[in-house]
Amino acid sequence: MCTVCGCNEVVDHNHSHTHPSDQHSHEHKHDHGHPQGHDHHYGQGMAGVSVAGYTQDRLIQIEQNILSKNDGYAETNRQRLAKRGLLALNLVSSPGAGKTTLLVETLKRLKDKIPLGVIEGDQETANDADRIRETGIPAVQINTGKGCHLDAHMIGHALEDLPLDPGGAILIENVGNLVCPAAFDLGEASKVVILSATEGEDKPIKYPDMFAASDLMILSKIDLLPHLDFDVDLAIEYAHRVNPDLKVMKLSAKSGEGLEDWQNWIIAKAKYASIEMQNVSLGQGAA
């Protein structure tokens, strides 16, 4: 994973994000430079990976340094969100699992119920953010360039452009990738992993870190099940083998089946975030 192959070892960030109000972009240098001529052999050695020219101790140190820096930014984001009474959800999946389509349909149903904002992560283009904005919901696009995931530093800047009211929800669509986003806390309340019925049932055991790090698994595109050779029960069994506490929802953004449960789950968590902010405020006032 990129935490130990070197692409995040550079401190500076090189990404841009835009939002519809003035279409400006914030440039942060994020040069993902890799050591030359290295092959990944996952699972070998204490670091769980082999990289030519690096000892296992050095790889472990690099990963600890990268994740420690990211965790500091994530905690800052978490405190900022808590003070504003906002819920942040980190949506993760393989490319093509239907994150953006699910987001669009979710926003249409929720936009009159709670304040909403979206942070879109892609290596290039603003296509997905443009689709989100067509719903009337503000969206900030982060282009990571060669980067394979969002990190907490990027999210911190994007939050500056989403001044939502308490009780609102910020939905983060991460870069399509079931590996690296598992390790990077963005300051979110929960990771939501989306597994499409068009993928294999064994994704949870092939990419266990992502499913272990998530609080909710959405099995998407269930309208296609009659046309697919996909064992739903087996996929859920594999997911629970990795994470016994993982909540599972089955839905279709196309037919609308299951969307009400998903919508209610978001509303309940957003209300909880707002109540927590009020409790903290009252406690500080009493002191």
Protein backbone atom coordinates (compact mmCIF):
# COMPACT_ATOMS: atom_id res chain seq x y z
CA MET A 1 0.00 0.00 0.00
CA CYS A 2 1.12 3.56 -0.59
CA THR A 3 1.88 4.22 3.07
CA VAL A 4 5.04 2.16 2.74
CA CYS A 5 5.98 2.37 -0.94
CA GLY A 6 6.91 6.03 -0.62
CA CYS A 7 4.22 8.05 -2.35
CA ASN A 8 3.18 9.77 0.87
CA GLU A 9 6.63 10.18 2.35
CA VAL A 10 6.89 13.64 0.77
CA VAL A 11 5.49 16.16 3.24
CA ASP A 12 4.14 18.62 0.67
CA HIS A 13 0.77 18.08 -1.01
CA ASN A 14 -0.07 18.57 -4.68
CA HIS A 15 -3.82 18.58 -5.21
CA SER A 16 -6.49 21.05 -6.13
CA HIS A 17 -10.08 21.48 -5.15
CA THR A 18 -12.80 23.65 -6.57
CA HIS A 19 -16.26 24.66 -5.52
CA PRO A 20 -19.05 26.32 -7.47
CA SER A 21 -19.13 29.72 -5.76
CA ASP A 22 -16.03 31.17 -7.35
CA GLN A 23 -14.41 28.21 -9.12
CA HIS A 24 -11.05 28.96 -7.58
CA SER A 25 -8.64 26.17 -6.86
CA HIS A 26 -6.31 25.71 -3.90
CA GLU A 27 -3.03 24.22 -4.96
CA HIS A 28 -1.11 22.09 -2.47
CA LYS A 29 1.97 20.32 -3.64
CA HIS A 30 1.46 16.56 -3.36
CA ASP A 31 4.19 14.97 -5.43
CA HIS A 32 3.82 11.21 -5.14
CA GLY A 33 7.38 10.14 -5.92
CA HIS A 34 8.14 6.42 -5.72
CA PRO A 35 11.56 4.78 -5.30
CA GLN A 36 12.59 3.45 -8.69
CA GLY A 37 12.47 -0.20 -9.62
CA HIS A 38 10.49 -1.63 -6.69
CA ASP A 39 8.10 -4.56 -6.63
CA HIS A 40 5.43 -5.16 -4.01
CA HIS A 41 5.25 -8.52 -2.30
CA TYR A 42 2.41 -8.06 0.15
CA GLY A 43 2.46 -10.03 3.36
CA GLN A 44 6.23 -10.58 3.47
CA GLY A 45 8.10 -9.41 6.55
CA MET A 46 7.05 -7.37 9.56
CA ALA A 47 5.93 -4.44 7.41
CA GLY A 48 3.63 -6.64 5.34
CA VAL A 49 5.36 -5.49 2.15
CA SER A 50 8.79 -5.63 0.49
CA VAL A 51 10.25 -2.61 -1.32
CA ALA A 52 13.66 -2.74 -2.98
CA GLY A 53 16.21 -0.62 -1.12
CA TYR A 54 14.23 -0.46 2.14
CA THR A 55 14.63 -2.56 5.26
CA GLN A 56 11.55 -3.81 7.08
CA ASP A 57 12.32 -1.50 10.01
CA ARG A 58 12.55 1.49 7.65
CA LEU A 59 9.24 0.60 5.99
CA ILE A 60 7.53 0.36 9.37
CA GLN A 61 8.99 3.72 10.40
CA ILE A 62 7.80 5.37 7.15
CA GLU A 63 4.28 4.06 7.60
CA GLN A 64 4.14 5.14 11.23
CA ASN A 65 5.36 8.63 10.34
CA ILE A 66 2.86 9.04 7.49
CA LEU A 67 -0.12 7.76 9.43
CA SER A 68 0.82 9.75 12.54
CA LYS A 69 0.90 12.99 10.55
CA ASN A 70 -2.41 12.13 8.88
CA ASP A 71 -4.01 11.21 12.21
CA GLY A 72 -3.11 14.64 13.57
CA TYR A 73 -4.95 16.34 10.70
CA ALA A 74 -7.85 13.88 11.11
CA GLU A 75 -8.26 14.74 14.79
CA THR A 76 -8.34 18.44 13.91
CA ASN A 77 -11.06 17.71 11.33
CA ARG A 78 -13.01 15.63 13.84
CA GLN A 79 -12.95 18.41 16.42
CA ARG A 80 -14.00 21.00 13.84
CA LEU A 81 -16.92 18.82 12.75
CA ALA A 82 -17.94 18.13 16.34
CA LYS A 83 -17.98 21.85 17.19
CA ARG A 84 -20.24 22.46 14.19
CA GLY A 85 -22.49 19.49 14.98
CA LEU A 86 -21.82 17.91 11.60
CA LEU A 87 -21.74 14.29 10.51
CA ALA A 88 -19.05 13.21 8.04
CA LEU A 89 -19.23 9.87 6.24
CA ASN A 90 -16.38 8.45 4.16
CA LEU A 91 -17.75 6.44 1.22
CA VAL A 92 -15.24 3.92 -0.12
CA SER A 93 -15.40 1.24 -2.81
CA SER A 94 -13.80 -0.19 -5.90
CA PRO A 95 -14.11 1.92 -9.07
CA GLY A 96 -17.51 1.41 -10.67
CA ALA A 97 -19.34 0.21 -7.56
CA GLY A 98 -21.90 3.00 -7.95
CA LYS A 99 -20.84 5.53 -5.29
CA THR A 100 -21.74 8.61 -7.32
CA THR A 101 -25.10 7.27 -8.50
CA LEU A 102 -25.95 6.32 -4.92
CA LEU A 103 -24.90 9.78 -3.75
CA VAL A 104 -27.09 11.54 -6.31
CA GLU A 105 -30.17 9.52 -5.38
CA THR A 106 -29.43 9.96 -1.66
CA LEU A 107 -29.12 13.72 -1.99
CA LYS A 108 -32.39 14.00 -3.89
CA ARG A 109 -34.18 12.30 -1.00
CA LEU A 110 -32.37 14.06 1.84
CA LYS A 111 -31.90 17.63 0.62
CA ASP A 112 -35.19 18.85 2.11
CA LYS A 113 -34.57 17.05 5.42
CA ILE A 114 -31.05 18.00 6.55
CA PRO A 115 -28.25 20.34 5.36
CA LEU A 116 -25.92 18.49 2.98
CA GLY A 117 -22.53 18.93 1.39
CA VAL A 118 -20.30 16.64 -0.65
CA ILE A 119 -16.54 16.27 -1.02
CA GLU A 120 -15.62 14.46 -4.23
CA GLY A 121 -12.29 12.69 -4.61
CA ASP A 122 -10.94 11.70 -8.03
CA GLN A 123 -7.53 11.61 -9.61
CA GLU A 124 -8.71 13.84 -12.46
CA THR A 125 -11.84 15.67 -13.78
CA ALA A 126 -14.74 17.30 -11.96
CA ASN A 127 -17.37 15.12 -13.64
CA ASP A 128 -18.73 13.61 -10.42
CA ALA A 129 -18.84 16.95 -8.59
CA ASP A 130 -20.76 18.41 -11.53
CA ARG A 131 -23.32 15.60 -11.24
CA ILE A 132 -23.69 16.34 -7.53
CA ARG A 133 -24.15 20.08 -8.09
CA GLU A 134 -27.01 19.39 -10.50
CA THR A 135 -29.00 18.25 -7.43
CA GLY A 136 -28.55 21.70 -5.88
CA ILE A 137 -26.15 20.43 -3.22
CA PRO A 138 -22.74 22.16 -2.83
CA ALA A 139 -19.78 19.97 -3.76
CA VAL A 140 -16.04 20.46 -3.45
CA GLN A 141 -13.92 18.56 -5.96
CA ILE A 142 -10.49 17.30 -4.87
CA ASN A 143 -8.25 16.06 -7.67
CA THR A 144 -5.42 13.96 -6.27
CA GLY A 145 -3.38 13.60 -9.47
CA LYS A 146 -1.37 10.42 -9.04
CA GLY A 147 -2.65 10.04 -5.48
CA CYS A 148 -4.76 6.93 -4.88
CA HIS A 149 -6.77 8.21 -1.90
CA LEU A 150 -7.91 11.28 -0.01
CA ASP A 151 -6.10 12.25 3.17
CA ALA A 152 -7.08 14.32 6.20
CA HIS A 153 -5.06 17.36 5.11
CA MET A 154 -7.04 17.58 1.85
CA ILE A 155 -10.34 17.22 3.71
CA GLY A 156 -9.38 19.98 6.14
CA HIS A 157 -9.14 22.46 3.28
CA ALA A 158 -12.34 21.23 1.66
CA LEU A 159 -14.28 21.69 4.92
CA GLU A 160 -13.57 25.42 4.71
CA ASP A 161 -15.87 25.56 1.68
CA LEU A 162 -18.82 23.70 3.24
CA PRO A 163 -20.25 25.94 6.02
CA LEU A 164 -23.28 23.77 6.84
CA ASP A 165 -25.72 24.22 9.72
CA PRO A 166 -25.62 21.87 12.73
CA GLY A 167 -27.40 18.59 12.07
CA GLY A 168 -26.05 18.46 8.54
CA ALA A 169 -24.09 15.73 6.83
CA ILE A 170 -20.94 15.90 4.72
CA LEU A 171 -20.65 12.91 2.42
CA ILE A 172 -17.11 12.21 1.21
CA GLU A 173 -16.70 10.14 -1.94
CA ASN A 174 -13.19 8.75 -1.76
CA VAL A 175 -11.08 7.73 -4.74
CA GLY A 176 -12.15 4.32 -6.05
CA ASN A 177 -9.73 2.01 -4.26
CA LEU A 178 -10.21 -0.74 -1.66
CA VAL A 179 -6.63 -0.62 -0.36
CA CYS A 180 -5.13 2.73 0.64
CA PRO A 181 -8.26 4.57 1.90
CA ALA A 182 -8.61 1.91 4.61
CA ALA A 183 -5.54 3.24 6.41
CA PHE A 184 -6.31 6.97 6.20
CA ASP A 185 -8.62 8.48 8.79
CA LEU A 186 -10.19 11.65 7.40
CA GLY A 187 -11.88 12.67 10.63
CA GLU A 188 -15.13 10.99 9.59
CA ALA A 189 -17.68 9.46 11.94
CA SER A 190 -17.85 6.26 9.87
CA LYS A 191 -16.44 4.61 6.81
CA VAL A 192 -19.14 3.16 4.55
CA VAL A 193 -17.85 0.49 2.17
CA ILE A 194 -19.91 -0.16 -0.95
CA LEU A 195 -19.76 -3.63 -2.51
CA SER A 196 -21.51 -3.94 -5.85
CA ALA A 197 -23.39 -7.09 -6.82
CA THR A 198 -21.36 -6.97 -10.04
CA GLU A 199 -18.20 -7.70 -8.03
CA GLY A 200 -17.09 -10.97 -6.51
CA GLU A 201 -18.43 -12.22 -3.19
CA ASP A 202 -14.88 -12.62 -1.91
CA LYS A 203 -13.97 -8.91 -1.98
CA PRO A 204 -14.22 -8.67 1.85
CA ILE A 205 -11.61 -11.39 2.38
CA LYS A 206 -9.44 -10.18 -0.51
CA TYR A 207 -9.38 -6.62 0.86
CA PRO A 208 -9.98 -7.22 4.58
CA ASP A 209 -8.55 -3.95 5.91
CA MET A 210 -11.26 -1.87 4.24
CA PHE A 211 -14.11 -4.00 5.54
CA ALA A 212 -12.54 -4.19 8.99
CA ALA A 213 -12.28 -0.37 9.11
CA SER A 214 -15.89 0.23 8.06
CA ASP A 215 -19.04 0.51 10.18
CA LEU A 216 -21.47 -0.16 7.35
CA MET A 217 -21.36 -2.24 4.18
CA ILE A 218 -23.79 -1.37 1.42
CA LEU A 219 -24.47 -4.12 -1.09
CA SER A 220 -25.39 -2.07 -4.13
CA LYS A 221 -27.00 -2.79 -7.51
CA ILE A 222 -29.22 -5.50 -6.09
CA ASP A 223 -31.67 -4.89 -8.97
CA LEU A 224 -29.14 -6.81 -11.11
CA LEU A 225 -29.08 -9.91 -8.90
CA PRO A 226 -31.50 -11.91 -11.10
CA HIS A 227 -29.00 -11.53 -13.94
CA LEU A 228 -25.84 -12.29 -11.97
CA ASP A 229 -24.12 -15.28 -10.43
CA PHE A 230 -23.61 -13.57 -7.08
CA ASP A 231 -24.19 -15.22 -3.70
CA VAL A 232 -25.47 -12.50 -1.34
CA ASP A 233 -25.33 -14.68 1.78
CA LEU A 234 -21.76 -15.70 1.05
CA ALA A 235 -20.66 -12.08 0.53
CA ILE A 236 -22.19 -11.12 3.89
CA GLU A 237 -20.63 -14.17 5.55
CA TYR A 238 -17.19 -13.14 4.26
CA ALA A 239 -17.75 -9.56 5.44
CA HIS A 240 -18.70 -10.70 8.93
CA ARG A 241 -15.74 -13.05 9.01
CA VAL A 242 -13.55 -9.94 8.70
CA ASN A 243 -15.73 -7.66 10.85
CA PRO A 244 -18.43 -9.35 12.96
CA ASP A 245 -19.90 -5.95 13.93
CA LEU A 246 -20.26 -4.70 10.36
CA LYS A 247 -23.81 -3.50 9.62
CA VAL A 248 -25.09 -4.53 6.18
CA MET A 249 -27.68 -2.84 3.96
CA LYS A 250 -28.86 -4.10 0.57
CA LEU A 251 -30.11 -1.48 -1.87
CA SER A 252 -30.49 -0.33 -5.44
CA ALA A 253 -30.02 3.29 -6.42
CA LYS A 254 -31.85 2.53 -9.68
CA SER A 255 -35.02 0.93 -8.28
CA GLY A 256 -34.94 2.74 -4.93
CA GLU A 257 -35.14 -0.50 -2.95
CA GLY A 258 -33.43 -0.11 0.43
CA LEU A 259 -32.79 3.63 0.05
CA GLU A 260 -35.20 4.53 2.85
CA ASP A 261 -33.21 2.52 5.40
CA TRP A 262 -29.98 4.17 4.19
CA GLN A 263 -31.56 7.62 4.33
CA ASN A 264 -32.89 7.04 7.86
CA TRP A 265 -29.48 5.80 9.01
CA ILE A 266 -27.85 9.05 7.84
CA ILE A 267 -30.54 11.24 9.43
CA ALA A 268 -30.23 9.44 12.78
CA LYS A 269 -26.45 9.84 12.83
CA ALA A 270 -26.67 13.51 11.80
CA LYS A 271 -29.15 14.22 14.59
CA TYR A 272 -26.86 12.50 17.06
CA ALA A 273 -23.92 14.69 15.96
CA SER A 274 -26.05 17.80 16.48
CA ILE A 275 -27.22 16.65 19.93
CA GLU A 276 -23.65 15.91 20.97
CA MET A 277 -22.63 19.44 19.98
CA GLN A 278 -25.48 20.90 22.06
CA ASN A 279 -24.56 18.75 25.05
CA VAL A 280 -20.96 19.89 24.86
CA SER A 281 -22.04 23.53 24.56
CA LEU A 282 -24.34 23.23 27.58
CA GLY A 283 -21.59 21.56 29.59
CA GLN A 284 -19.13 24.34 28.76
CA GLY A 285 -21.74 26.95 29.63
CA ALA A 286 -22.43 25.35 32.99
CA ALA A 287 -18.76 25.31 33.79
